[in-house]
């Protein structure tokens, strides 16, 4: 009888280990997905930051061009 009791206990421990392993796999999978999503967001944010920087430079160039054009117009009028 003691063998039967030990086997049942062993099976219970194995079942617990199996459940823990399954839970660990689910947690690992979720963590991997979150990490992958975070990397995608970081790449997108970096691309947006670069594009915004380029647009800002272009706006500054256009502002300078506008200022120079208005100076030329004022000189031509005078």
Protein backbone atom coordinates (compact mmCIF):
# COMPACT_ATOMS: atom_id res chain seq x y z
CA UNK A 1 0.00 0.00 0.00
CA UNK A 2 2.76 2.37 0.71
CA UNK A 3 3.99 1.94 -2.84
CA UNK A 4 0.60 2.94 -4.16
CA UNK A 5 0.60 6.00 -1.95
CA UNK A 6 4.08 6.96 -3.12
CA UNK A 7 3.15 6.48 -6.76
CA UNK A 8 0.10 8.66 -6.36
CA UNK A 9 2.21 11.31 -4.71
CA UNK A 10 4.76 11.06 -7.52
CA UNK A 11 2.04 11.40 -10.10
CA UNK A 12 0.69 14.45 -8.32
CA UNK A 13 4.15 16.01 -8.29
CA UNK A 14 4.55 15.24 -11.99
CA UNK A 15 1.17 16.77 -12.70
CA UNK A 16 2.17 19.88 -10.75
CA UNK A 17 5.47 20.07 -12.63
CA UNK A 18 3.64 19.65 -15.91
CA UNK A 19 1.26 22.48 -15.01
CA UNK A 20 4.16 24.66 -13.92
CA UNK A 21 6.00 23.92 -17.15
CA UNK A 22 2.92 24.78 -19.19
CA UNK A 23 2.50 28.02 -17.25
CA UNK A 24 6.17 28.86 -17.76
CA UNK A 25 5.82 28.25 -21.49
CA UNK A 26 2.79 30.54 -21.66
CA UNK A 27 4.62 33.23 -19.71
CA UNK A 28 7.69 32.90 -21.92
CA UNK A 29 5.57 33.09 -25.05
CA UNK A 30 3.78 36.19 -23.81
CA UNK A 31 7.08 37.80 -22.85
CA UNK A 32 8.50 37.03 -26.30
CA UNK A 33 5.50 38.56 -28.01
CA UNK A 34 5.69 41.65 -25.83
CA UNK A 35 9.41 41.99 -26.54
CA UNK A 36 8.88 41.63 -30.29
CA UNK A 37 6.09 44.22 -30.22
CA UNK A 38 8.26 46.58 -28.18
CA UNK A 39 11.05 46.28 -30.75
CA UNK A 40 8.63 46.98 -33.60
CA UNK A 41 7.32 50.07 -31.79
CA UNK A 42 10.88 51.25 -31.10
CA UNK A 43 11.82 50.88 -34.78
CA UNK A 44 8.69 52.76 -35.85
CA UNK A 45 9.35 55.51 -33.33
CA UNK A 46 12.93 55.84 -34.57
CA UNK A 47 11.74 56.12 -38.18
CA UNK A 48 9.15 58.75 -37.23
CA UNK A 49 11.78 60.69 -35.27
CA UNK A 50 14.11 60.72 -38.29
CA UNK A 51 11.31 61.77 -40.62
CA UNK A 52 10.27 64.56 -38.25
CA UNK A 53 13.86 65.77 -38.11
CA UNK A 54 14.07 65.83 -41.91
CA UNK A 55 10.77 67.69 -42.16
CA UNK A 56 11.93 70.22 -39.59
CA UNK A 57 15.10 70.86 -41.58
CA UNK A 58 13.06 71.26 -44.76
CA UNK A 59 10.70 73.75 -43.06
CA UNK A 60 13.71 75.74 -41.85
CA UNK A 61 15.11 75.78 -45.41
CA UNK A 62 11.77 76.96 -46.78
CA UNK A 63 11.55 79.67 -44.12
CA UNK A 64 15.03 80.87 -45.08
CA UNK A 65 14.09 80.82 -48.76
CA UNK A 66 10.93 82.79 -48.01
CA UNK A 67 12.88 85.33 -46.02
CA UNK A 68 15.42 85.72 -48.83
CA UNK A 69 12.67 86.00 -51.44
CA UNK A 70 10.86 88.66 -49.46
CA UNK A 71 14.13 90.59 -49.08
CA UNK A 72 14.67 90.45 -52.85
CA UNK A 73 11.11 91.62 -53.47
CA UNK A 74 11.50 94.51 -51.06
CA UNK A 75 14.78 95.52 -52.71
CA UNK A 76 13.23 95.38 -56.16
CA UNK A 77 10.33 97.57 -55.08
CA UNK A 78 12.53 100.19 -53.45
